[in-house]
Amino acid sequence: MKKQALLLICACALAACTKTEPPKVSVAKPKQESAQNLMVRVAKQVQACWFKRKDPALKKYKMAAEINSFSGKPRILIVPRNKPTALPKLVAQAQRISGRNRFESFGPLLQSSDGPRLNTSLRRWASGSKTC
């Protein structure tokens, strides 16, 4: 019994002498948003801010989303309401290049008098804004 007590005292003494460090906390880097998620977010804003609010510049159009694109360029299209298979009047798309998202928008609707306002909104939403 004396031997066990002596071993216990020695173990406690050794444990008291060892340096204990606080546990290391690993902080995961935030994951970069995919081009697909970027376009989903932009499409939600387009729907909420332009179509649900009945923007007069877009009353003749509707949105078609092509988020699951095999080309790696998810996009949203603004097409004529009465001709949904016609050429789009506005295209907004994103592509992942060298680990970064590249957002671009183009089309004849951006050349109209409302074009600068529409393009500014698209760029703002692509950069993360949620305001109309």
C-alpha atoms as a PDB file:
ATOM      1  CA  MET A   1       0.000   0.000   0.000  1.00  0.00           C
ATOM      2  CA  LYS A   2       2.908   2.323   0.793  1.00  0.00           C
ATOM      3  CA  LYS A   3       4.326   1.549  -2.650  1.00  0.00           C
ATOM      4  CA  GLN A   4       1.054   2.555  -4.380  1.00  0.00           C
ATOM      5  CA  ALA A   5       0.821   5.763  -2.368  1.00  0.00           C
ATOM      6  CA  LEU A   6       4.402   6.619  -3.247  1.00  0.00           C
ATOM      7  CA  LEU A   7       3.720   5.990  -6.966  1.00  0.00           C
ATOM      8  CA  LEU A   8       0.614   8.188  -6.806  1.00  0.00           C
ATOM      9  CA  ILE A   9       2.564  11.024  -5.152  1.00  0.00           C
ATOM     10  CA  CYS A  10       5.322  10.746  -7.773  1.00  0.00           C
ATOM     11  CA  ALA A  11       2.791  10.771 -10.621  1.00  0.00           C
ATOM     12  CA  CYS A  12       1.085  13.872  -9.188  1.00  0.00           C
ATOM     13  CA  ALA A  13       4.434  15.622  -8.749  1.00  0.00           C
ATOM     14  CA  LEU A  14       5.437  14.865 -12.328  1.00  0.00           C
ATOM     15  CA  ALA A  15       2.078  16.009 -13.642  1.00  0.00           C
ATOM     16  CA  ALA A  16       2.451  19.296 -11.749  1.00  0.00           C
ATOM     17  CA  CYS A  17       5.845  19.887 -13.357  1.00  0.00           C
ATOM     18  CA  THR A  18       4.719  19.427 -16.934  1.00  0.00           C
ATOM     19  CA  LYS A  19       3.854  22.502 -18.928  1.00  0.00           C
ATOM     20  CA  THR A  20       0.281  22.550 -20.132  1.00  0.00           C
ATOM     21  CA  GLU A  21      -0.659  24.668 -23.109  1.00  0.00           C
ATOM     22  CA  PRO A  22      -4.141  25.803 -23.965  1.00  0.00           C
ATOM     23  CA  PRO A  23      -5.677  23.731 -26.718  1.00  0.00           C
ATOM     24  CA  LYS A  24      -5.013  25.047 -30.207  1.00  0.00           C
ATOM     25  CA  VAL A  25      -8.037  26.406 -31.972  1.00  0.00           C
ATOM     26  CA  SER A  26      -8.050  25.995 -35.699  1.00  0.00           C
ATOM     27  CA  VAL A  27      -9.931  28.678 -37.514  1.00  0.00           C
ATOM     28  CA  ALA A  28     -11.228  27.550 -40.874  1.00  0.00           C
ATOM     29  CA  LYS A  29     -10.933  30.076 -43.651  1.00  0.00           C
ATOM     30  CA  PRO A  30     -14.293  31.145 -44.996  1.00  0.00           C
ATOM     31  CA  LYS A  31     -15.134  29.152 -48.061  1.00  0.00           C
ATOM     32  CA  GLN A  32     -15.227  31.109 -51.287  1.00  0.00           C
ATOM     33  CA  GLU A  33     -18.688  31.406 -52.762  1.00  0.00           C
ATOM     34  CA  SER A  34     -19.190  29.331 -55.892  1.00  0.00           C
ATOM     35  CA  ALA A  35     -20.259  30.950 -59.150  1.00  0.00           C
ATOM     36  CA  GLN A  36     -23.498  28.997 -58.823  1.00  0.00           C
ATOM     37  CA  ASN A  37     -24.260  30.427 -55.376  1.00  0.00           C
ATOM     38  CA  LEU A  38     -23.397  33.904 -56.608  1.00  0.00           C
ATOM     39  CA  MET A  39     -25.910  33.638 -59.441  1.00  0.00           C
ATOM     40  CA  VAL A  40     -28.589  32.189 -57.150  1.00  0.00           C
ATOM     41  CA  ARG A  41     -28.156  35.217 -54.889  1.00  0.00           C
ATOM     42  CA  VAL A  42     -28.297  37.648 -57.843  1.00  0.00           C
ATOM     43  CA  ALA A  43     -31.345  35.860 -59.300  1.00  0.00           C
ATOM     44  CA  LYS A  44     -33.205  36.187 -55.982  1.00  0.00           C
ATOM     45  CA  GLN A  45     -32.508  39.922 -55.949  1.00  0.00           C
ATOM     46  CA  VAL A  46     -33.553  40.326 -59.594  1.00  0.00           C
ATOM     47  CA  GLN A  47     -36.812  38.537 -58.836  1.00  0.00           C
ATOM     48  CA  ALA A  48     -37.494  40.479 -55.630  1.00  0.00           C
ATOM     49  CA  CYS A  49     -36.398  43.923 -56.776  1.00  0.00           C
ATOM     50  CA  TRP A  50     -37.339  44.002 -60.429  1.00  0.00           C
ATOM     51  CA  PHE A  51     -40.143  41.563 -61.094  1.00  0.00           C
ATOM     52  CA  LYS A  52     -42.079  41.432 -57.816  1.00  0.00           C
ATOM     53  CA  ARG A  53     -41.912  45.222 -57.604  1.00  0.00           C
ATOM     54  CA  LYS A  54     -43.021  45.451 -61.251  1.00  0.00           C
ATOM     55  CA  ASP A  55     -40.183  47.606 -62.517  1.00  0.00           C
ATOM     56  CA  PRO A  56     -41.608  49.522 -65.513  1.00  0.00           C
ATOM     57  CA  ALA A  57     -38.441  48.954 -67.556  1.00  0.00           C
ATOM     58  CA  LEU A  58     -39.028  45.201 -67.361  1.00  0.00           C
ATOM     59  CA  LYS A  59     -42.800  44.893 -67.781  1.00  0.00           C
ATOM     60  CA  LYS A  60     -42.361  43.256 -71.231  1.00  0.00           C
ATOM     61  CA  TYR A  61     -39.833  40.712 -69.929  1.00  0.00           C
ATOM     62  CA  LYS A  62     -39.437  37.741 -67.635  1.00  0.00           C
ATOM     63  CA  MET A  63     -36.483  36.059 -66.007  1.00  0.00           C
ATOM     64  CA  ALA A  64     -35.145  32.644 -66.953  1.00  0.00           C
ATOM     65  CA  ALA A  65     -32.483  31.178 -64.679  1.00  0.00           C
ATOM     66  CA  GLU A  66     -29.889  28.734 -65.960  1.00  0.00           C
ATOM     67  CA  ILE A  67     -28.099  28.110 -62.684  1.00  0.00           C
ATOM     68  CA  ASN A  68     -27.089  24.471 -63.290  1.00  0.00           C
ATOM     69  CA  SER A  69     -24.944  25.065 -66.335  1.00  0.00           C
ATOM     70  CA  PHE A  70     -22.608  22.390 -67.645  1.00  0.00           C
ATOM     71  CA  SER A  71     -20.414  25.102 -69.154  1.00  0.00           C
ATOM     72  CA  GLY A  72     -19.438  26.349 -65.696  1.00  0.00           C
ATOM     73  CA  LYS A  73     -21.148  29.679 -66.348  1.00  0.00           C
ATOM     74  CA  PRO A  74     -24.392  29.821 -64.401  1.00  0.00           C
ATOM     75  CA  ARG A  75     -26.515  32.671 -65.700  1.00  0.00           C
ATOM     76  CA  ILE A  76     -29.809  34.447 -65.629  1.00  0.00           C
ATOM     77  CA  LEU A  77     -31.536  35.669 -68.749  1.00  0.00           C
ATOM     78  CA  ILE A  78     -34.073  38.420 -69.217  1.00  0.00           C
ATOM     79  CA  VAL A  79     -36.231  37.366 -72.178  1.00  0.00           C
ATOM     80  CA  PRO A  80     -39.346  38.768 -73.857  1.00  0.00           C
ATOM     81  CA  ARG A  81     -42.430  37.712 -71.892  1.00  0.00           C
ATOM     82  CA  ASN A  82     -44.345  36.618 -74.998  1.00  0.00           C
ATOM     83  CA  LYS A  83     -41.314  34.902 -76.660  1.00  0.00           C
ATOM     84  CA  PRO A  84     -39.401  33.037 -73.946  1.00  0.00           C
ATOM     85  CA  THR A  85     -37.289  31.143 -76.502  1.00  0.00           C
ATOM     86  CA  ALA A  86     -36.155  34.326 -78.274  1.00  0.00           C
ATOM     87  CA  LEU A  87     -32.680  35.748 -77.832  1.00  0.00           C
ATOM     88  CA  PRO A  88     -32.235  37.196 -74.337  1.00  0.00           C
ATOM     89  CA  LYS A  89     -32.282  40.951 -73.935  1.00  0.00           C
ATOM     90  CA  LEU A  90     -30.010  40.809 -70.894  1.00  0.00           C
ATOM     91  CA  VAL A  91     -27.582  38.128 -69.711  1.00  0.00           C
ATOM     92  CA  ALA A  92     -25.865  38.082 -66.319  1.00  0.00           C
ATOM     93  CA  GLN A  93     -23.404  35.290 -65.683  1.00  0.00           C
ATOM     94  CA  ALA A  94     -20.595  34.260 -63.383  1.00  0.00           C
ATOM     95  CA  GLN A  95     -17.585  32.067 -63.928  1.00  0.00           C
ATOM     96  CA  ARG A  96     -14.927  30.811 -61.550  1.00  0.00           C
ATOM     97  CA  ILE A  97     -11.462  31.706 -62.864  1.00  0.00           C
ATOM     98  CA  SER A  98      -8.284  31.135 -60.829  1.00  0.00           C
ATOM     99  CA  GLY A  99     -10.235  30.765 -57.610  1.00  0.00           C
ATOM    100  CA  ARG A 100     -12.234  33.976 -58.060  1.00  0.00           C
ATOM    101  CA  ASN A 101     -15.683  34.676 -59.416  1.00  0.00           C
ATOM    102  CA  ARG A 102     -15.896  36.790 -62.536  1.00  0.00           C
ATOM    103  CA  PHE A 103     -19.305  38.401 -62.993  1.00  0.00           C
ATOM    104  CA  GLU A 104     -20.407  39.948 -66.249  1.00  0.00           C
ATOM    105  CA  SER A 105     -23.597  41.289 -67.751  1.00  0.00           C
ATOM    106  CA  PHE A 106     -24.393  42.177 -71.341  1.00  0.00           C
ATOM    107  CA  GLY A 107     -27.215  42.528 -73.842  1.00  0.00           C
ATOM    108  CA  PRO A 108     -29.279  45.132 -75.662  1.00  0.00           C
ATOM    109  CA  LEU A 109     -31.351  45.981 -72.586  1.00  0.00           C
ATOM    110  CA  LEU A 110     -28.222  47.442 -70.998  1.00  0.00           C
ATOM    111  CA  GLN A 111     -27.946  49.839 -73.954  1.00  0.00           C
ATOM    112  CA  SER A 112     -31.377  51.340 -73.219  1.00  0.00           C
ATOM    113  CA  SER A 113     -31.937  54.426 -71.099  1.00  0.00           C
ATOM    114  CA  ASP A 114     -32.481  52.140 -68.074  1.00  0.00           C
ATOM    115  CA  GLY A 115     -29.302  50.182 -68.828  1.00  0.00           C
ATOM    116  CA  PRO A 116     -26.934  51.979 -66.445  1.00  0.00           C
ATOM    117  CA  ARG A 117     -29.391  51.611 -63.542  1.00  0.00           C
ATOM    118  CA  LEU A 118     -29.952  47.926 -64.282  1.00  0.00           C
ATOM    119  CA  ASN A 119     -26.232  47.221 -64.644  1.00  0.00           C
ATOM    120  CA  THR A 120     -25.421  49.083 -61.419  1.00  0.00           C
ATOM    121  CA  SER A 121     -28.006  47.007 -59.552  1.00  0.00           C
ATOM    122  CA  LEU A 122     -26.645  43.746 -60.960  1.00  0.00           C
ATOM    123  CA  ARG A 123     -23.079  44.635 -59.974  1.00  0.00           C
ATOM    124  CA  ARG A 124     -24.186  45.712 -56.508  1.00  0.00           C
ATOM    125  CA  TRP A 125     -26.022  42.410 -55.943  1.00  0.00           C
ATOM    126  CA  ALA A 126     -23.088  40.421 -57.300  1.00  0.00           C
ATOM    127  CA  SER A 127     -20.835  42.116 -54.757  1.00  0.00           C
ATOM    128  CA  GLY A 128     -23.131  41.061 -51.902  1.00  0.00           C
ATOM    129  CA  SER A 129     -25.675  43.834 -51.423  1.00  0.00           C
ATOM    130  CA  LYS A 130     -29.234  42.834 -50.593  1.00  0.00           C
ATOM    131  CA  THR A 131     -30.862  46.213 -51.044  1.00  0.00           C
ATOM    132  CA  CYS A 132     -33.080  47.134 -53.938  1.00  0.00           C
END
